[in-house]
Amino acid sequence: MLSLVTAVIKPFAVDAVKDALKGAGVTGLTLTEVKGFGRQGGHTETYRGAEYAVDFVPKVKVEIVVPLEDAESVANVIRQAASSGKIGDGKIWITSVDRVIRIRTGEMGADAI
């Protein structure tokens, strides 16, 4: 069985998370630039003397498919590397993956990751 570990983190934490995951033996991941808001609800900025609300905060989504038994440890690695202790550090969730197929070779399951 496989799991998808998805994390939404602050952009400045990407390098630390990537290095920590490589150190933990993760061989591949997908990064997507995303925008969103959580409890902080965005923030205000000043541009040319005018204050305006930024409703959607820039974040990075990290997605990694791993064997079920590695999902918790991968999530822990991400949490430790991305944590600044401040609001907006992000979220991590783990979902089940029914099937993975490597396009080039047709390998399936754990062989495909």
N, C-alpha and C. Protein backbone atom coordinates (compact mmCIF):
# COMPACT_ATOMS: atom_id res chain seq x y z
N MET A 1 0.84 -1.18 0.00
CA MET A 1 0.00 0.00 0.00
C MET A 1 0.88 1.24 0.00
N LEU A 2 0.41 2.28 -0.67
CA LEU A 2 1.17 3.53 -0.80
C LEU A 2 0.39 4.69 -0.19
N SER A 3 1.11 5.74 0.15
CA SER A 3 0.50 6.95 0.69
C SER A 3 1.04 8.17 -0.03
N LEU A 4 0.19 9.18 -0.12
CA LEU A 4 0.59 10.48 -0.64
C LEU A 4 0.71 11.43 0.54
N VAL A 5 1.92 11.93 0.77
CA VAL A 5 2.15 12.92 1.81
C VAL A 5 2.14 14.28 1.12
N THR A 6 1.20 15.13 1.53
CA THR A 6 1.07 16.46 0.95
C THR A 6 1.31 17.48 2.05
N ALA A 7 2.15 18.47 1.76
CA ALA A 7 2.42 19.53 2.72
C ALA A 7 2.30 20.87 2.01
N VAL A 8 1.70 21.82 2.68
CA VAL A 8 1.66 23.20 2.20
C VAL A 8 2.51 23.99 3.18
N ILE A 9 3.60 24.58 2.67
CA ILE A 9 4.59 25.22 3.53
C ILE A 9 4.91 26.62 3.02
N LYS A 10 5.62 27.39 3.84
CA LYS A 10 6.09 28.71 3.44
C LYS A 10 7.21 28.55 2.40
N PRO A 11 7.26 29.45 1.41
CA PRO A 11 8.27 29.32 0.36
C PRO A 11 9.71 29.31 0.86
N PHE A 12 10.01 30.06 1.91
CA PHE A 12 11.40 30.10 2.39
C PHE A 12 11.85 28.78 2.99
N ALA A 13 10.91 27.88 3.30
CA ALA A 13 11.25 26.60 3.93
C ALA A 13 11.55 25.51 2.91
N VAL A 14 11.41 25.80 1.62
CA VAL A 14 11.55 24.76 0.58
C VAL A 14 12.91 24.09 0.61
N ASP A 15 13.97 24.87 0.64
CA ASP A 15 15.32 24.28 0.61
C ASP A 15 15.58 23.40 1.83
N ALA A 16 15.16 23.85 3.00
CA ALA A 16 15.37 23.05 4.21
C ALA A 16 14.58 21.75 4.14
N VAL A 17 13.35 21.82 3.63
CA VAL A 17 12.53 20.62 3.52
C VAL A 17 13.12 19.66 2.50
N LYS A 18 13.52 20.19 1.35
CA LYS A 18 14.12 19.36 0.30
C LYS A 18 15.37 18.65 0.81
N ASP A 19 16.25 19.38 1.48
CA ASP A 19 17.48 18.79 2.00
C ASP A 19 17.19 17.74 3.07
N ALA A 20 16.22 18.01 3.94
CA ALA A 20 15.86 17.06 4.99
C ALA A 20 15.27 15.78 4.39
N LEU A 21 14.44 15.94 3.35
CA LEU A 21 13.85 14.76 2.70
C LEU A 21 14.91 13.94 1.98
N LYS A 22 15.85 14.61 1.31
CA LYS A 22 16.95 13.87 0.67
C LYS A 22 17.75 13.10 1.71
N GLY A 23 18.00 13.74 2.85
CA GLY A 23 18.73 13.09 3.94
C GLY A 23 17.99 11.90 4.51
N ALA A 24 16.66 11.92 4.39
CA ALA A 24 15.84 10.82 4.90
C ALA A 24 15.63 9.73 3.84
N GLY A 25 16.24 9.90 2.67
CA GLY A 25 16.16 8.86 1.65
C GLY A 25 15.03 9.01 0.65
N VAL A 26 14.33 10.14 0.66
CA VAL A 26 13.27 10.36 -0.33
C VAL A 26 13.92 10.65 -1.67
N THR A 27 13.49 9.93 -2.70
CA THR A 27 14.16 10.05 -4.01
C THR A 27 13.42 10.92 -5.00
N GLY A 28 12.22 11.36 -4.69
CA GLY A 28 11.49 12.22 -5.62
C GLY A 28 10.35 12.93 -4.94
N LEU A 29 10.04 14.12 -5.44
CA LEU A 29 8.92 14.89 -4.91
C LEU A 29 8.45 15.86 -5.98
N THR A 30 7.27 16.40 -5.77
CA THR A 30 6.72 17.39 -6.68
C THR A 30 6.44 18.66 -5.89
N LEU A 31 6.85 19.81 -6.44
CA LEU A 31 6.59 21.11 -5.82
C LEU A 31 5.68 21.92 -6.72
N THR A 32 4.71 22.59 -6.13
CA THR A 32 3.81 23.46 -6.85
C THR A 32 3.68 24.77 -6.08
N GLU A 33 3.79 25.89 -6.79
CA GLU A 33 3.55 27.17 -6.14
C GLU A 33 2.03 27.37 -6.07
N VAL A 34 1.55 27.63 -4.87
CA VAL A 34 0.11 27.79 -4.65
C VAL A 34 -0.14 29.05 -3.82
N LYS A 35 -1.40 29.44 -3.71
CA LYS A 35 -1.79 30.55 -2.84
C LYS A 35 -2.97 30.09 -2.01
N GLY A 36 -3.07 30.57 -0.80
CA GLY A 36 -4.18 30.21 0.04
C GLY A 36 -4.16 31.00 1.34
N PHE A 37 -5.09 30.66 2.21
CA PHE A 37 -5.08 31.26 3.54
C PHE A 37 -5.66 30.27 4.53
N GLY A 38 -5.25 30.42 5.74
CA GLY A 38 -5.74 29.57 6.82
C GLY A 38 -6.28 30.46 7.92
N ARG A 39 -5.95 30.13 9.13
CA ARG A 39 -6.45 30.91 10.26
C ARG A 39 -5.98 32.35 10.24
N GLN A 40 -4.80 32.59 9.65
CA GLN A 40 -4.30 33.97 9.64
C GLN A 40 -5.11 34.85 8.70
N GLY A 41 -5.83 34.26 7.75
CA GLY A 41 -6.74 35.02 6.88
C GLY A 41 -6.06 36.04 6.00
N GLY A 42 -4.81 35.84 5.66
CA GLY A 42 -4.09 36.80 4.82
C GLY A 42 -3.42 37.85 5.68
N HIS A 43 -3.02 38.96 5.06
CA HIS A 43 -2.36 40.04 5.78
C HIS A 43 -2.49 41.33 4.98
N THR A 44 -2.02 42.44 5.54
CA THR A 44 -2.05 43.71 4.82
C THR A 44 -0.63 44.10 4.43
N GLU A 45 -0.51 44.77 3.30
CA GLU A 45 0.77 45.28 2.82
C GLU A 45 0.60 46.72 2.40
N THR A 46 1.71 47.44 2.32
CA THR A 46 1.68 48.82 1.86
C THR A 46 2.47 48.91 0.57
N TYR A 47 1.85 49.50 -0.45
CA TYR A 47 2.50 49.67 -1.74
C TYR A 47 2.29 51.12 -2.18
N ARG A 48 3.40 51.85 -2.34
CA ARG A 48 3.35 53.26 -2.73
C ARG A 48 2.43 54.07 -1.83
N GLY A 49 2.54 53.80 -0.55
CA GLY A 49 1.79 54.55 0.44
C GLY A 49 0.36 54.11 0.67
N ALA A 50 -0.13 53.19 -0.15
CA ALA A 50 -1.50 52.70 0.02
C ALA A 50 -1.49 51.32 0.67
N GLU A 51 -2.34 51.15 1.66
CA GLU A 51 -2.43 49.86 2.33
C GLU A 51 -3.51 49.02 1.67
N TYR A 52 -3.22 47.76 1.44
CA TYR A 52 -4.21 46.87 0.84
C TYR A 52 -4.11 45.49 1.46
N ALA A 53 -5.21 44.75 1.36
CA ALA A 53 -5.28 43.41 1.96
C ALA A 53 -4.83 42.37 0.95
N VAL A 54 -4.01 41.44 1.42
CA VAL A 54 -3.60 40.29 0.62
C VAL A 54 -4.34 39.09 1.20
N ASP A 55 -5.39 38.65 0.48
CA ASP A 55 -6.22 37.56 0.98
C ASP A 55 -5.55 36.20 0.84
N PHE A 56 -4.83 36.01 -0.26
CA PHE A 56 -4.19 34.73 -0.52
C PHE A 56 -2.68 34.86 -0.37
N VAL A 57 -2.13 34.06 0.51
CA VAL A 57 -0.72 34.11 0.84
C VAL A 57 0.03 33.09 -0.02
N PRO A 58 1.18 33.48 -0.60
CA PRO A 58 1.96 32.51 -1.40
C PRO A 58 2.48 31.37 -0.52
N LYS A 59 2.31 30.16 -1.01
CA LYS A 59 2.79 28.95 -0.32
C LYS A 59 3.36 28.00 -1.37
N VAL A 60 3.95 26.91 -0.91
CA VAL A 60 4.46 25.87 -1.80
C VAL A 60 3.83 24.55 -1.35
N LYS A 61 3.31 23.81 -2.30
CA LYS A 61 2.75 22.49 -2.00
C LYS A 61 3.78 21.43 -2.39
N VAL A 62 4.09 20.55 -1.45
CA VAL A 62 5.03 19.46 -1.65
C VAL A 62 4.24 18.16 -1.64
N GLU A 63 4.43 17.33 -2.66
CA GLU A 63 3.73 16.05 -2.74
C GLU A 63 4.75 14.93 -2.93
N ILE A 64 4.60 13.88 -2.12
CA ILE A 64 5.52 12.75 -2.16
C ILE A 64 4.73 11.46 -2.01
N VAL A 65 4.92 10.52 -2.92
CA VAL A 65 4.31 9.20 -2.80
C VAL A 65 5.35 8.27 -2.17
N VAL A 66 4.95 7.64 -1.07
CA VAL A 66 5.86 6.78 -0.31
C VAL A 66 5.12 5.51 0.11
N PRO A 67 5.87 4.46 0.45
CA PRO A 67 5.22 3.28 1.03
C PRO A 67 4.49 3.68 2.33
N LEU A 68 3.39 3.02 2.61
CA LEU A 68 2.56 3.33 3.77
C LEU A 68 3.37 3.42 5.06
N GLU A 69 4.30 2.50 5.23
CA GLU A 69 5.08 2.46 6.47
C GLU A 69 6.04 3.64 6.63
N ASP A 70 6.32 4.38 5.54
CA ASP A 70 7.22 5.54 5.61
C ASP A 70 6.49 6.86 5.73
N ALA A 71 5.18 6.87 5.59
CA ALA A 71 4.42 8.12 5.53
C ALA A 71 4.57 8.97 6.79
N GLU A 72 4.46 8.37 7.95
CA GLU A 72 4.55 9.14 9.21
C GLU A 72 5.94 9.75 9.38
N SER A 73 6.98 8.99 9.07
CA SER A 73 8.33 9.52 9.25
C SER A 73 8.62 10.64 8.25
N VAL A 74 8.12 10.51 7.01
CA VAL A 74 8.29 11.57 6.02
C VAL A 74 7.56 12.83 6.47
N ALA A 75 6.34 12.68 6.98
CA ALA A 75 5.59 13.82 7.49
C ALA A 75 6.33 14.49 8.64
N ASN A 76 6.94 13.70 9.50
CA ASN A 76 7.72 14.24 10.62
C ASN A 76 8.93 15.02 10.15
N VAL A 77 9.61 14.49 9.13
CA VAL A 77 10.78 15.19 8.57
C VAL A 77 10.35 16.55 8.02
N ILE A 78 9.25 16.58 7.29
CA ILE A 78 8.75 17.85 6.75
C ILE A 78 8.39 18.81 7.87
N ARG A 79 7.67 18.32 8.88
CA ARG A 79 7.25 19.18 9.99
C ARG A 79 8.44 19.82 10.69
N GLN A 80 9.46 19.02 10.95
CA GLN A 80 10.62 19.55 11.65
C GLN A 80 11.38 20.57 10.80
N ALA A 81 11.50 20.29 9.49
CA ALA A 81 12.27 21.18 8.62
C ALA A 81 11.52 22.47 8.30
N ALA A 82 10.18 22.42 8.27
CA ALA A 82 9.39 23.59 7.86
C ALA A 82 8.93 24.45 9.02
N SER A 83 9.11 23.99 10.23
CA SER A 83 8.57 24.70 11.39
C SER A 83 9.42 25.90 11.77
N SER A 84 8.77 27.07 11.82
CA SER A 84 9.42 28.27 12.35
C SER A 84 8.81 28.63 13.70
N GLY A 85 7.71 27.95 14.04
CA GLY A 85 7.02 28.25 15.28
C GLY A 85 6.07 29.43 15.18
N LYS A 86 5.90 29.94 13.97
CA LYS A 86 5.03 31.11 13.76
C LYS A 86 3.79 30.69 12.99
N ILE A 87 2.76 31.52 13.10
CA ILE A 87 1.51 31.25 12.40
C ILE A 87 1.76 31.18 10.90
N GLY A 88 1.07 30.28 10.22
CA GLY A 88 1.21 30.15 8.77
C GLY A 88 2.29 29.19 8.32
N ASP A 89 2.86 28.40 9.24
CA ASP A 89 3.89 27.43 8.86
C ASP A 89 3.35 26.39 7.89
N GLY A 90 2.05 26.10 7.94
CA GLY A 90 1.46 25.21 6.95
C GLY A 90 0.76 24.01 7.55
N LYS A 91 0.45 23.07 6.66
CA LYS A 91 -0.26 21.84 7.04
C LYS A 91 0.35 20.66 6.30
N ILE A 92 0.17 19.48 6.88
CA ILE A 92 0.58 18.23 6.25
C ILE A 92 -0.59 17.27 6.36
N TRP A 93 -0.88 16.56 5.28
CA TRP A 93 -1.88 15.50 5.35
C TRP A 93 -1.41 14.30 4.56
N ILE A 94 -1.92 13.14 4.97
CA ILE A 94 -1.53 11.87 4.37
C ILE A 94 -2.80 11.21 3.84
N THR A 95 -2.75 10.80 2.57
CA THR A 95 -3.89 10.13 1.96
C THR A 95 -3.44 8.81 1.34
N SER A 96 -4.37 7.89 1.22
CA SER A 96 -4.07 6.60 0.61
C SER A 96 -4.00 6.73 -0.91
N VAL A 97 -3.11 5.95 -1.50
CA VAL A 97 -2.96 5.91 -2.96
C VAL A 97 -3.28 4.48 -3.39
N ASP A 98 -4.27 4.34 -4.25
CA ASP A 98 -4.67 3.00 -4.70
C ASP A 98 -3.70 2.41 -5.71
N ARG A 99 -3.19 3.26 -6.58
CA ARG A 99 -2.37 2.72 -7.67
C ARG A 99 -1.41 3.78 -8.20
N VAL A 100 -0.20 3.35 -8.50
CA VAL A 100 0.80 4.20 -9.13
C VAL A 100 1.37 3.44 -10.31
N ILE A 101 1.50 4.12 -11.44
CA ILE A 101 2.05 3.50 -12.64
C ILE A 101 3.15 4.41 -13.20
N ARG A 102 4.33 3.84 -13.41
CA ARG A 102 5.41 4.60 -14.05
C ARG A 102 5.13 4.57 -15.55
N ILE A 103 5.01 5.74 -16.15
CA ILE A 103 4.63 5.84 -17.56
C ILE A 103 5.66 5.16 -18.47
N ARG A 104 6.94 5.42 -18.24
CA ARG A 104 7.97 4.91 -19.14
C ARG A 104 8.03 3.39 -19.21
N THR A 105 7.94 2.74 -18.02
CA THR A 105 8.16 1.28 -18.00
C THR A 105 6.90 0.47 -17.74
N GLY A 106 5.85 1.11 -17.27
CA GLY A 106 4.64 0.39 -16.93
C GLY A 106 4.70 -0.26 -15.56
N GLU A 107 5.77 -0.05 -14.79
CA GLU A 107 5.87 -0.60 -13.44
C GLU A 107 4.74 -0.06 -12.60
N MET A 108 4.31 -0.86 -11.63
CA MET A 108 3.19 -0.46 -10.77
C MET A 108 3.55 -0.57 -9.30
N GLY A 109 2.78 0.12 -8.48
CA GLY A 109 2.94 0.06 -7.04
C GLY A 109 4.26 0.63 -6.57
N ALA A 110 4.86 0.00 -5.55
CA ALA A 110 6.11 0.49 -4.98
C ALA A 110 7.24 0.51 -6.01
N ASP A 111 7.20 -0.37 -7.00
CA ASP A 111 8.23 -0.38 -8.05
C ASP A 111 8.18 0.90 -8.88
N ALA A 112 7.02 1.53 -8.94
CA ALA A 112 6.86 2.73 -9.76
C ALA A 112 7.37 3.99 -9.07
N ILE A 113 7.61 3.91 -7.76
CA ILE A 113 8.12 5.09 -7.07
C ILE A 113 9.61 4.95 -6.87
